[in-house]
Amino acid sequence: MGCDGGTIPKRDELVRTKKKPEQVRLLYNKEAVLEFLIDRSKFECAPSFDHLKGLKDLKQLNLTDNPSYDKSGAKKGDAYIDMQDSKYICPVVGLEMNGRYK
């Protein structure tokens, strides 16, 4: 349990805080979401859209092209060499969008 003089308790150990509701972070095709918002009867079996109430719940994803992305194929014959380049980069910090970074 601690607090016996040898440990220093942290705030979360002393104060019980209310847990935040889980946020849904998914990517959807904007055209499909707009169709759902116009006519919900087409998507009766789609519970994954239930959290979308209007256009304010949508965020536009703007991708920036990676200038160092090499579009050419193999450099040596027919062998595939993965250069770990991604097609897009983050417009804010400039990191490649390859799944390695959050």
PDB file of N, CA and C in Angstrom:
ATOM      1  N   MET A   1       0.809  -1.176   0.000  1.00  0.00           N
ATOM      2  CA  MET A   1       0.000   0.000   0.000  1.00  0.00           C
ATOM      3  C   MET A   1       0.861   1.252   0.000  1.00  0.00           C
ATOM      4  N   GLY A   2       2.002   1.198   0.627  1.00  0.00           N
ATOM      5  CA  GLY A   2       2.882   2.359   0.628  1.00  0.00           C
ATOM      6  C   GLY A   2       2.587   3.298   1.767  1.00  0.00           C
ATOM      7  N   CYS A   3       3.087   4.509   1.671  1.00  0.00           N
ATOM      8  CA  CYS A   3       2.915   5.567   2.671  1.00  0.00           C
ATOM      9  C   CYS A   3       3.446   5.144   4.032  1.00  0.00           C
ATOM     10  N   ASP A   4       4.475   4.314   4.035  1.00  0.00           N
ATOM     11  CA  ASP A   4       5.067   3.881   5.294  1.00  0.00           C
ATOM     12  C   ASP A   4       6.333   4.671   5.615  1.00  0.00           C
ATOM     13  N   GLY A   5       6.552   5.740   4.919  1.00  0.00           N
ATOM     14  CA  GLY A   5       7.715   6.571   5.162  1.00  0.00           C
ATOM     15  C   GLY A   5       8.813   6.365   4.146  1.00  0.00           C
ATOM     16  N   GLY A   6       8.784   5.256   3.438  1.00  0.00           N
ATOM     17  CA  GLY A   6       9.835   4.968   2.470  1.00  0.00           C
ATOM     18  C   GLY A   6       9.454   5.314   1.047  1.00  0.00           C
ATOM     19  N   THR A   7       8.192   5.630   0.824  1.00  0.00           N
ATOM     20  CA  THR A   7       7.750   5.947  -0.535  1.00  0.00           C
ATOM     21  C   THR A   7       7.107   7.323  -0.570  1.00  0.00           C
ATOM     22  N   ILE A   8       7.101   7.892  -1.751  1.00  0.00           N
ATOM     23  CA  ILE A   8       6.442   9.178  -1.955  1.00  0.00           C
ATOM     24  C   ILE A   8       5.234   8.922  -2.850  1.00  0.00           C
ATOM     25  N   PRO A   9       4.026   9.108  -2.300  1.00  0.00           N
ATOM     26  CA  PRO A   9       2.834   8.822  -3.115  1.00  0.00           C
ATOM     27  C   PRO A   9       2.631   9.873  -4.195  1.00  0.00           C
ATOM     28  N   LYS A  10       2.071   9.416  -5.293  1.00  0.00           N
ATOM     29  CA  LYS A  10       1.735  10.314  -6.392  1.00  0.00           C
ATOM     30  C   LYS A  10       0.296  10.776  -6.231  1.00  0.00           C
ATOM     31  N   ARG A  11      -0.076  11.781  -7.008  1.00  0.00           N
ATOM     32  CA  ARG A  11      -1.416  12.357  -6.902  1.00  0.00           C
ATOM     33  C   ARG A  11      -2.488  11.330  -7.227  1.00  0.00           C
ATOM     34  N   ASP A  12      -2.268  10.523  -8.257  1.00  0.00           N
ATOM     35  CA  ASP A  12      -3.287   9.562  -8.646  1.00  0.00           C
ATOM     36  C   ASP A  12      -3.466   8.450  -7.622  1.00  0.00           C
ATOM     37  N   GLU A  13      -2.495   8.261  -6.743  1.00  0.00           N
ATOM     38  CA  GLU A  13      -2.648   7.279  -5.675  1.00  0.00           C
ATOM     39  C   GLU A  13      -3.464   7.840  -4.516  1.00  0.00           C
ATOM     40  N   LEU A  14      -3.451   9.149  -4.338  1.00  0.00           N
ATOM     41  CA  LEU A  14      -4.149   9.774  -3.216  1.00  0.00           C
ATOM     42  C   LEU A  14      -5.543  10.263  -3.573  1.00  0.00           C
ATOM     43  N   VAL A  15      -5.737  10.735  -4.800  1.00  0.00           N
ATOM     44  CA  VAL A  15      -7.002  11.331  -5.213  1.00  0.00           C
ATOM     45  C   VAL A  15      -7.641  10.465  -6.288  1.00  0.00           C
ATOM     46  N   ARG A  16      -8.881  10.122  -6.078  1.00  0.00           N
ATOM     47  CA  ARG A  16      -9.604   9.362  -7.101  1.00  0.00           C
ATOM     48  C   ARG A  16     -10.230  10.352  -8.067  1.00  0.00           C
ATOM     49  N   THR A  17      -9.897  10.203  -9.322  1.00  0.00           N
ATOM     50  CA  THR A  17     -10.423  11.108 -10.338  1.00  0.00           C
ATOM     51  C   THR A  17     -11.453  10.377 -11.196  1.00  0.00           C
ATOM     52  N   LYS A  18     -12.345  11.140 -11.786  1.00  0.00           N
ATOM     53  CA  LYS A  18     -13.358  10.574 -12.659  1.00  0.00           C
ATOM     54  C   LYS A  18     -12.714  10.204 -13.980  1.00  0.00           C
ATOM     55  N   LYS A  19     -12.994   8.995 -14.464  1.00  0.00           N
ATOM     56  CA  LYS A  19     -12.407   8.546 -15.718  1.00  0.00           C
ATOM     57  C   LYS A  19     -13.072   9.234 -16.888  1.00  0.00           C
ATOM     58  N   LYS A  20     -12.280   9.580 -17.887  1.00  0.00           N
ATOM     59  CA  LYS A  20     -12.796  10.227 -19.087  1.00  0.00           C
ATOM     60  C   LYS A  20     -13.465   9.187 -19.974  1.00  0.00           C
ATOM     61  N   PRO A  21     -14.513   9.590 -20.704  1.00  0.00           N
ATOM     62  CA  PRO A  21     -15.142   8.637 -21.618  1.00  0.00           C
ATOM     63  C   PRO A  21     -14.197   8.302 -22.769  1.00  0.00           C
ATOM     64  N   GLU A  22     -14.348   7.104 -23.275  1.00  0.00           N
ATOM     65  CA  GLU A  22     -13.481   6.646 -24.358  1.00  0.00           C
ATOM     66  C   GLU A  22     -13.775   7.423 -25.634  1.00  0.00           C
ATOM     67  N   GLN A  23     -12.712   7.876 -26.296  1.00  0.00           N
ATOM     68  CA  GLN A  23     -12.868   8.621 -27.542  1.00  0.00           C
ATOM     69  C   GLN A  23     -12.694   7.677 -28.724  1.00  0.00           C
ATOM     70  N   VAL A  24     -13.493   7.897 -29.736  1.00  0.00           N
ATOM     71  CA  VAL A  24     -13.408   7.092 -30.946  1.00  0.00           C
ATOM     72  C   VAL A  24     -12.487   7.809 -31.915  1.00  0.00           C
ATOM     73  N   ARG A  25     -11.426   7.140 -32.328  1.00  0.00           N
ATOM     74  CA  ARG A  25     -10.462   7.740 -33.251  1.00  0.00           C
ATOM     75  C   ARG A  25     -10.325   6.827 -34.469  1.00  0.00           C
ATOM     76  N   LEU A  26     -11.223   7.008 -35.401  1.00  0.00           N
ATOM     77  CA  LEU A  26     -11.211   6.183 -36.611  1.00  0.00           C
ATOM     78  C   LEU A  26     -11.224   7.079 -37.824  1.00  0.00           C
ATOM     79  N   LEU A  27     -10.763   6.525 -38.933  1.00  0.00           N
ATOM     80  CA  LEU A  27     -10.805   7.230 -40.208  1.00  0.00           C
ATOM     81  C   LEU A  27     -11.973   6.687 -41.024  1.00  0.00           C
ATOM     82  N   TYR A  28     -12.770   7.580 -41.547  1.00  0.00           N
ATOM     83  CA  TYR A  28     -13.892   7.210 -42.389  1.00  0.00           C
ATOM     84  C   TYR A  28     -13.783   7.932 -43.719  1.00  0.00           C
ATOM     85  N   ASN A  29     -14.387   7.347 -44.721  1.00  0.00           N
ATOM     86  CA  ASN A  29     -14.523   8.005 -46.007  1.00  0.00           C
ATOM     87  C   ASN A  29     -15.551   9.114 -45.832  1.00  0.00           C
ATOM     88  N   LYS A  30     -15.183  10.337 -46.160  1.00  0.00           N
ATOM     89  CA  LYS A  30     -16.048  11.489 -45.930  1.00  0.00           C
ATOM     90  C   LYS A  30     -17.354  11.370 -46.704  1.00  0.00           C
ATOM     91  N   GLU A  31     -17.298  10.839 -47.889  1.00  0.00           N
ATOM     92  CA  GLU A  31     -18.504  10.690 -48.700  1.00  0.00           C
ATOM     93  C   GLU A  31     -19.495   9.734 -48.035  1.00  0.00           C
ATOM     94  N   ALA A  32     -18.993   8.642 -47.454  1.00  0.00           N
ATOM     95  CA  ALA A  32     -19.871   7.684 -46.780  1.00  0.00           C
ATOM     96  C   ALA A  32     -20.503   8.298 -45.530  1.00  0.00           C
ATOM     97  N   VAL A  33     -19.741   9.096 -44.799  1.00  0.00           N
ATOM     98  CA  VAL A  33     -20.276   9.742 -43.596  1.00  0.00           C
ATOM     99  C   VAL A  33     -21.350  10.762 -43.967  1.00  0.00           C
ATOM    100  N   LEU A  34     -21.122  11.516 -45.038  1.00  0.00           N
ATOM    101  CA  LEU A  34     -22.130  12.484 -45.476  1.00  0.00           C
ATOM    102  C   LEU A  34     -23.416  11.785 -45.909  1.00  0.00           C
ATOM    103  N   GLU A  35     -23.295  10.641 -46.585  1.00  0.00           N
ATOM    104  CA  GLU A  35     -24.486   9.878 -46.953  1.00  0.00           C
ATOM    105  C   GLU A  35     -25.221   9.399 -45.713  1.00  0.00           C
ATOM    106  N   PHE A  36     -24.474   8.989 -44.688  1.00  0.00           N
ATOM    107  CA  PHE A  36     -25.087   8.546 -43.434  1.00  0.00           C
ATOM    108  C   PHE A  36     -25.834   9.690 -42.759  1.00  0.00           C
ATOM    109  N   LEU A  37     -25.240  10.876 -42.739  1.00  0.00           N
ATOM    110  CA  LEU A  37     -25.881  12.008 -42.084  1.00  0.00           C
ATOM    111  C   LEU A  37     -27.139  12.466 -42.825  1.00  0.00           C
ATOM    112  N   ILE A  38     -27.170  12.287 -44.143  1.00  0.00           N
ATOM    113  CA  ILE A  38     -28.339  12.687 -44.930  1.00  0.00           C
ATOM    114  C   ILE A  38     -29.482  11.690 -44.749  1.00  0.00           C
ATOM    115  N   ASP A  39     -29.173  10.400 -44.875  1.00  0.00           N
ATOM    116  CA  ASP A  39     -30.218   9.377 -44.800  1.00  0.00           C
ATOM    117  C   ASP A  39     -29.721   8.220 -43.932  1.00  0.00           C
ATOM    118  N   ARG A  40     -30.112   8.228 -42.667  1.00  0.00           N
ATOM    119  CA  ARG A  40     -29.658   7.204 -41.719  1.00  0.00           C
ATOM    120  C   ARG A  40     -30.341   5.859 -41.943  1.00  0.00           C
ATOM    121  N   SER A  41     -31.439   5.823 -42.655  1.00  0.00           N
ATOM    122  CA  SER A  41     -32.159   4.561 -42.852  1.00  0.00           C
ATOM    123  C   SER A  41     -31.368   3.577 -43.719  1.00  0.00           C
ATOM    124  N   LYS A  42     -30.459   4.074 -44.555  1.00  0.00           N
ATOM    125  CA  LYS A  42     -29.631   3.190 -45.382  1.00  0.00           C
ATOM    126  C   LYS A  42     -28.630   2.410 -44.538  1.00  0.00           C
ATOM    127  N   PHE A  43     -28.240   2.967 -43.391  1.00  0.00           N
ATOM    128  CA  PHE A  43     -27.182   2.398 -42.576  1.00  0.00           C
ATOM    129  C   PHE A  43     -27.727   1.887 -41.247  1.00  0.00           C
ATOM    130  N   GLU A  44     -28.808   1.120 -41.268  1.00  0.00           N
ATOM    131  CA  GLU A  44     -29.414   0.637 -40.026  1.00  0.00           C
ATOM    132  C   GLU A  44     -28.497  -0.336 -39.299  1.00  0.00           C
ATOM    133  N   CYS A  45     -27.678  -1.068 -40.014  1.00  0.00           N
ATOM    134  CA  CYS A  45     -26.829  -2.075 -39.379  1.00  0.00           C
ATOM    135  C   CYS A  45     -25.410  -1.555 -39.151  1.00  0.00           C
ATOM    136  N   ALA A  46     -25.216  -0.251 -39.107  1.00  0.00           N
ATOM    137  CA  ALA A  46     -23.878   0.325 -38.918  1.00  0.00           C
ATOM    138  C   ALA A  46     -23.783   1.034 -37.570  1.00  0.00           C
ATOM    139  N   PRO A  47     -23.533   0.291 -36.485  1.00  0.00           N
ATOM    140  CA  PRO A  47     -23.424   0.951 -35.176  1.00  0.00           C
ATOM    141  C   PRO A  47     -22.142   1.753 -35.014  1.00  0.00           C
ATOM    142  N   SER A  48     -21.195   1.595 -35.930  1.00  0.00           N
ATOM    143  CA  SER A  48     -19.941   2.333 -35.805  1.00  0.00           C
ATOM    144  C   SER A  48     -20.103   3.813 -36.139  1.00  0.00           C
ATOM    145  N   PHE A  49     -21.225   4.201 -36.752  1.00  0.00           N
ATOM    146  CA  PHE A  49     -21.489   5.601 -37.072  1.00  0.00           C
ATOM    147  C   PHE A  49     -22.341   6.294 -36.012  1.00  0.00           C
ATOM    148  N   ASP A  50     -22.719   5.591 -34.947  1.00  0.00           N
ATOM    149  CA  ASP A  50     -23.658   6.146 -33.970  1.00  0.00           C
ATOM    150  C   ASP A  50     -23.133   7.385 -33.258  1.00  0.00           C
ATOM    151  N   HIS A  51     -21.837   7.541 -33.140  1.00  0.00           N
ATOM    152  CA  HIS A  51     -21.277   8.695 -32.434  1.00  0.00           C
ATOM    153  C   HIS A  51     -21.232   9.950 -33.299  1.00  0.00           C
ATOM    154  N   LEU A  52     -21.541   9.847 -34.581  1.00  0.00           N
ATOM    155  CA  LEU A  52     -21.546  10.996 -35.481  1.00  0.00           C
ATOM    156  C   LEU A  52     -22.927  11.633 -35.480  1.00  0.00           C
ATOM    157  N   LYS A  53     -23.009  12.861 -35.009  1.00  0.00           N
ATOM    158  CA  LYS A  53     -24.286  13.560 -34.928  1.00  0.00           C
ATOM    159  C   LYS A  53     -24.434  14.628 -36.008  1.00  0.00           C
ATOM    160  N   GLY A  54     -23.331  15.231 -36.444  1.00  0.00           N
ATOM    161  CA  GLY A  54     -23.395  16.292 -37.444  1.00  0.00           C
ATOM    162  C   GLY A  54     -22.023  16.557 -38.030  1.00  0.00           C
ATOM    163  N   LEU A  55     -21.945  17.609 -38.832  1.00  0.00           N
ATOM    164  CA  LEU A  55     -20.681  17.950 -39.479  1.00  0.00           C
ATOM    165  C   LEU A  55     -19.621  18.435 -38.496  1.00  0.00           C
ATOM    166  N   LYS A  56     -20.032  18.874 -37.312  1.00  0.00           N
ATOM    167  CA  LYS A  56     -19.054  19.324 -36.315  1.00  0.00           C
ATOM    168  C   LYS A  56     -18.240  18.171 -35.746  1.00  0.00           C
ATOM    169  N   ASP A  57     -18.726  16.954 -35.898  1.00  0.00           N
ATOM    170  CA  ASP A  57     -18.005  15.782 -35.408  1.00  0.00           C
ATOM    171  C   ASP A  57     -16.934  15.305 -36.382  1.00  0.00           C
ATOM    172  N   LEU A  58     -16.862  15.911 -37.550  1.00  0.00           N
ATOM    173  CA  LEU A  58     -15.900  15.500 -38.572  1.00  0.00           C
ATOM    174  C   LEU A  58     -14.685  16.413 -38.573  1.00  0.00           C
ATOM    175  N   LYS A  59     -13.539  15.848 -38.863  1.00  0.00           N
ATOM    176  CA  LYS A  59     -12.299  16.605 -39.057  1.00  0.00           C
ATOM    177  C   LYS A  59     -11.729  16.214 -40.413  1.00  0.00           C
ATOM    178  N   GLN A  60     -11.308  17.199 -41.170  1.00  0.00           N
ATOM    179  CA  GLN A  60     -10.716  16.960 -42.486  1.00  0.00           C
ATOM    180  C   GLN A  60      -9.249  16.596 -42.313  1.00  0.00           C
ATOM    181  N   LEU A  61      -8.807  15.509 -42.920  1.00  0.00           N
ATOM    182  CA  LEU A  61      -7.417  15.087 -42.870  1.00  0.00           C
ATOM    183  C   LEU A  61      -6.706  15.623 -44.105  1.00  0.00           C
ATOM    184  N   ASN A  62      -5.748  16.527 -43.897  1.00  0.00           N
ATOM    185  CA  ASN A  62      -4.972  17.097 -44.995  1.00  0.00           C
ATOM    186  C   ASN A  62      -3.588  16.466 -44.988  1.00  0.00           C
ATOM    187  N   LEU A  63      -3.274  15.741 -46.036  1.00  0.00           N
ATOM    188  CA  LEU A  63      -1.984  15.068 -46.135  1.00  0.00           C
ATOM    189  C   LEU A  63      -1.005  15.935 -46.912  1.00  0.00           C
ATOM    190  N   THR A  64       0.261  15.871 -46.514  1.00  0.00           N
ATOM    191  CA  THR A  64       1.330  16.608 -47.182  1.00  0.00           C
ATOM    192  C   THR A  64       2.253  15.606 -47.857  1.00  0.00           C
ATOM    193  N   ASP A  65       2.556  15.835 -49.127  1.00  0.00           N
ATOM    194  CA  ASP A  65       3.445  14.929 -49.852  1.00  0.00           C
ATOM    195  C   ASP A  65       4.850  14.975 -49.270  1.00  0.00           C
ATOM    196  N   ASN A  66       5.494  13.813 -49.257  1.00  0.00           N
ATOM    197  CA  ASN A  66       6.861  13.696 -48.769  1.00  0.00           C
ATOM    198  C   ASN A  66       7.817  13.997 -49.925  1.00  0.00           C
ATOM    199  N   PRO A  67       8.639  15.050 -49.825  1.00  0.00           N
ATOM    200  CA  PRO A  67       9.536  15.381 -50.934  1.00  0.00           C
ATOM    201  C   PRO A  67      10.631  14.344 -51.146  1.00  0.00           C
ATOM    202  N   SER A  68      10.959  13.555 -50.131  1.00  0.00           N
ATOM    203  CA  SER A  68      12.026  12.557 -50.289  1.00  0.00           C
ATOM    204  C   SER A  68      11.491  11.194 -50.711  1.00  0.00           C
ATOM    205  N   TYR A  69      10.193  11.095 -50.988  1.00  0.00           N
ATOM    206  CA  TYR A  69       9.596   9.826 -51.399  1.00  0.00           C
ATOM    207  C   TYR A  69      10.028   9.500 -52.815  1.00  0.00           C
ATOM    208  N   ASP A  70      10.570   8.303 -53.006  1.00  0.00           N
ATOM    209  CA  ASP A  70      11.051   7.870 -54.315  1.00  0.00           C
ATOM    210  C   ASP A  70       9.985   6.991 -54.955  1.00  0.00           C
ATOM    211  N   LYS A  71       9.392   7.466 -56.045  1.00  0.00           N
ATOM    212  CA  LYS A  71       8.300   6.756 -56.695  1.00  0.00           C
ATOM    213  C   LYS A  71       8.792   5.650 -57.628  1.00  0.00           C
ATOM    214  N   SER A  72      10.055   5.632 -57.927  1.00  0.00           N
ATOM    215  CA  SER A  72      10.561   4.623 -58.857  1.00  0.00           C
ATOM    216  C   SER A  72      10.572   3.256 -58.179  1.00  0.00           C
ATOM    217  N   GLY A  73      10.637   2.229 -58.974  1.00  0.00           N
ATOM    218  CA  GLY A  73      10.589   0.860 -58.475  1.00  0.00           C
ATOM    219  C   GLY A  73      11.947   0.377 -57.986  1.00  0.00           C
ATOM    220  N   ALA A  74      12.336  -0.790 -58.467  1.00  0.00           N
ATOM    221  CA  ALA A  74      13.566  -1.424 -58.018  1.00  0.00           C
ATOM    222  C   ALA A  74      14.782  -0.723 -58.603  1.00  0.00           C
ATOM    223  N   LYS A  75      15.822  -0.627 -57.825  1.00  0.00           N
ATOM    224  CA  LYS A  75      17.054   0.004 -58.277  1.00  0.00           C
ATOM    225  C   LYS A  75      18.010  -1.003 -58.914  1.00  0.00           C
ATOM    226  N   LYS A  76      17.933  -2.270 -58.477  1.00  0.00           N
ATOM    227  CA  LYS A  76      18.823  -3.312 -58.997  1.00  0.00           C
ATOM    228  C   LYS A  76      17.987  -4.441 -59.581  1.00  0.00           C
ATOM    229  N   GLY A  77      17.824  -4.458 -60.857  1.00  0.00           N
ATOM    230  CA  GLY A  77      17.092  -5.537 -61.508  1.00  0.00           C
ATOM    231  C   GLY A  77      15.641  -5.573 -61.081  1.00  0.00           C
ATOM    232  N   ASP A  78      15.196  -6.751 -60.664  1.00  0.00           N
ATOM    233  CA  ASP A  78      13.809  -6.892 -60.250  1.00  0.00           C
ATOM    234  C   ASP A  78      13.678  -7.055 -58.733  1.00  0.00           C
ATOM    235  N   ALA A  79      14.731  -6.808 -57.993  1.00  0.00           N
ATOM    236  CA  ALA A  79      14.685  -6.929 -56.535  1.00  0.00           C
ATOM    237  C   ALA A  79      13.970  -5.736 -55.918  1.00  0.00           C
ATOM    238  N   TYR A  80      13.278  -5.982 -54.821  1.00  0.00           N
ATOM    239  CA  TYR A  80      12.582  -4.917 -54.118  1.00  0.00           C
ATOM    240  C   TYR A  80      13.393  -4.520 -52.897  1.00  0.00           C
ATOM    241  N   ILE A  81      13.750  -3.256 -52.805  1.00  0.00           N
ATOM    242  CA  ILE A  81      14.494  -2.742 -51.665  1.00  0.00           C
ATOM    243  C   ILE A  81      13.604  -1.715 -50.982  1.00  0.00           C
ATOM    244  N   ASP A  82      13.240  -1.997 -49.733  1.00  0.00           N
ATOM    245  CA  ASP A  82      12.366  -1.099 -48.993  1.00  0.00           C
ATOM    246  C   ASP A  82      13.216  -0.012 -48.353  1.00  0.00           C
ATOM    247  N   MET A  83      13.000   1.235 -48.765  1.00  0.00           N
ATOM    248  CA  MET A  83      13.785   2.358 -48.246  1.00  0.00           C
ATOM    249  C   MET A  83      13.108   3.013 -47.038  1.00  0.00           C
ATOM    250  N   GLN A  84      12.001   2.438 -46.552  1.00  0.00           N
ATOM    251  CA  GLN A  84      11.250   2.955 -45.403  1.00  0.00           C
ATOM    252  C   GLN A  84      10.755   4.383 -45.633  1.00  0.00           C
ATOM    253  N   ASP A  85      10.511   4.743 -46.871  1.00  0.00           N
ATOM    254  CA  ASP A  85       9.946   6.048 -47.190  1.00  0.00           C
ATOM    255  C   ASP A  85       8.435   5.922 -47.262  1.00  0.00           C
ATOM    256  N   SER A  86       7.758   6.896 -46.734  1.00  0.00           N
ATOM    257  CA  SER A  86       6.306   6.908 -46.857  1.00  0.00           C
ATOM    258  C   SER A  86       5.908   8.020 -47.824  1.00  0.00           C
ATOM    259  N   LYS A  87       4.726   7.892 -48.374  1.00  0.00           N
ATOM    260  CA  LYS A  87       4.283   8.838 -49.382  1.00  0.00           C
ATOM    261  C   LYS A  87       3.918  10.189 -48.783  1.00  0.00           C
ATOM    262  N   TYR A  88       3.502  10.206 -47.496  1.00  0.00           N
ATOM    263  CA  TYR A  88       3.042  11.436 -46.867  1.00  0.00           C
ATOM    264  C   TYR A  88       3.820  11.709 -45.579  1.00  0.00           C
ATOM    265  N   ILE A  89       3.873  12.996 -45.207  1.00  0.00           N
ATOM    266  CA  ILE A  89       4.486  13.401 -43.946  1.00  0.00           C
ATOM    267  C   ILE A  89       3.479  14.233 -43.154  1.00  0.00           C
ATOM    268  N   CYS A  90       3.731  14.350 -41.855  1.00  0.00           N
ATOM    269  CA  CYS A  90       2.891  15.182 -41.001  1.00  0.00           C
ATOM    270  C   CYS A  90       3.166  16.643 -41.337  1.00  0.00           C
ATOM    271  N   PRO A  91       2.124  17.449 -41.589  1.00  0.00           N
ATOM    272  CA  PRO A  91       2.361  18.846 -41.949  1.00  0.00           C
ATOM    273  C   PRO A  91       2.866  19.697 -40.779  1.00  0.00           C
ATOM    274  N   VAL A  92       2.712  19.223 -39.544  1.00  0.00           N
ATOM    275  CA  VAL A  92       3.113  20.008 -38.381  1.00  0.00           C
ATOM    276  C   VAL A  92       4.576  19.787 -38.028  1.00  0.00           C
ATOM    277  N   VAL A  93       4.965  18.530 -37.806  1.00  0.00           N
ATOM    278  CA  VAL A  93       6.327  18.248 -37.346  1.00  0.00           C
ATOM    279  C   VAL A  93       7.226  17.666 -38.424  1.00  0.00           C
ATOM    280  N   GLY A  94       6.656  17.245 -39.555  1.00  0.00           N
ATOM    281  CA  GLY A  94       7.466  16.751 -40.651  1.00  0.00           C
ATOM    282  C   GLY A  94       7.887  15.295 -40.538  1.00  0.00           C
ATOM    283  N   LEU A  95       7.297  14.528 -39.615  1.00  0.00           N
ATOM    284  CA  LEU A  95       7.626  13.096 -39.490  1.00  0.00           C
ATOM    285  C   LEU A  95       6.859  12.318 -40.538  1.00  0.00           C
ATOM    286  N   GLU A  96       7.484  11.235 -41.001  1.00  0.00           N
ATOM    287  CA  GLU A  96       6.843  10.406 -42.002  1.00  0.00           C
ATOM    288  C   GLU A  96       5.667   9.651 -41.400  1.00  0.00           C
ATOM    289  N   MET A  97       4.615   9.491 -42.182  1.00  0.00           N
ATOM    290  CA  MET A  97       3.423   8.774 -41.730  1.00  0.00           C
ATOM    291  C   MET A  97       3.541   7.319 -42.147  1.00  0.00           C
ATOM    292  N   ASN A  98       4.406   6.584 -41.464  1.00  0.00           N
ATOM    293  CA  ASN A  98       4.659   5.199 -41.809  1.00  0.00           C
ATOM    294  C   ASN A  98       4.248   4.218 -40.722  1.00  0.00           C
ATOM    295  N   GLY A  99       3.584   4.687 -39.663  1.00  0.00           N
ATOM    296  CA  GLY A  99       3.169   3.816 -38.584  1.00  0.00           C
ATOM    297  C   GLY A  99       4.187   3.685 -37.471  1.00  0.00           C
ATOM    298  N   ARG A 100       5.339   4.250 -37.641  1.00  0.00           N
ATOM    299  CA  ARG A 100       6.382   4.171 -36.628  1.00  0.00           C
ATOM    300  C   ARG A 100       6.181   5.223 -35.534  1.00  0.00           C
ATOM    301  N   TYR A 101       5.602   6.345 -35.884  1.00  0.00           N
ATOM    302  CA  TYR A 101       5.423   7.448 -34.936  1.00  0.00           C
ATOM    303  C   TYR A 101       3.933   7.635 -34.643  1.00  0.00           C
ATOM    304  N   LYS A 102       3.612   8.098 -33.453  1.00  0.00           N
ATOM    305  CA  LYS A 102       2.214   8.364 -33.093  1.00  0.00           C
ATOM    306  C   LYS A 102       1.793   9.704 -33.644  1.00  0.00           C
TER     307      LYS A 102
END
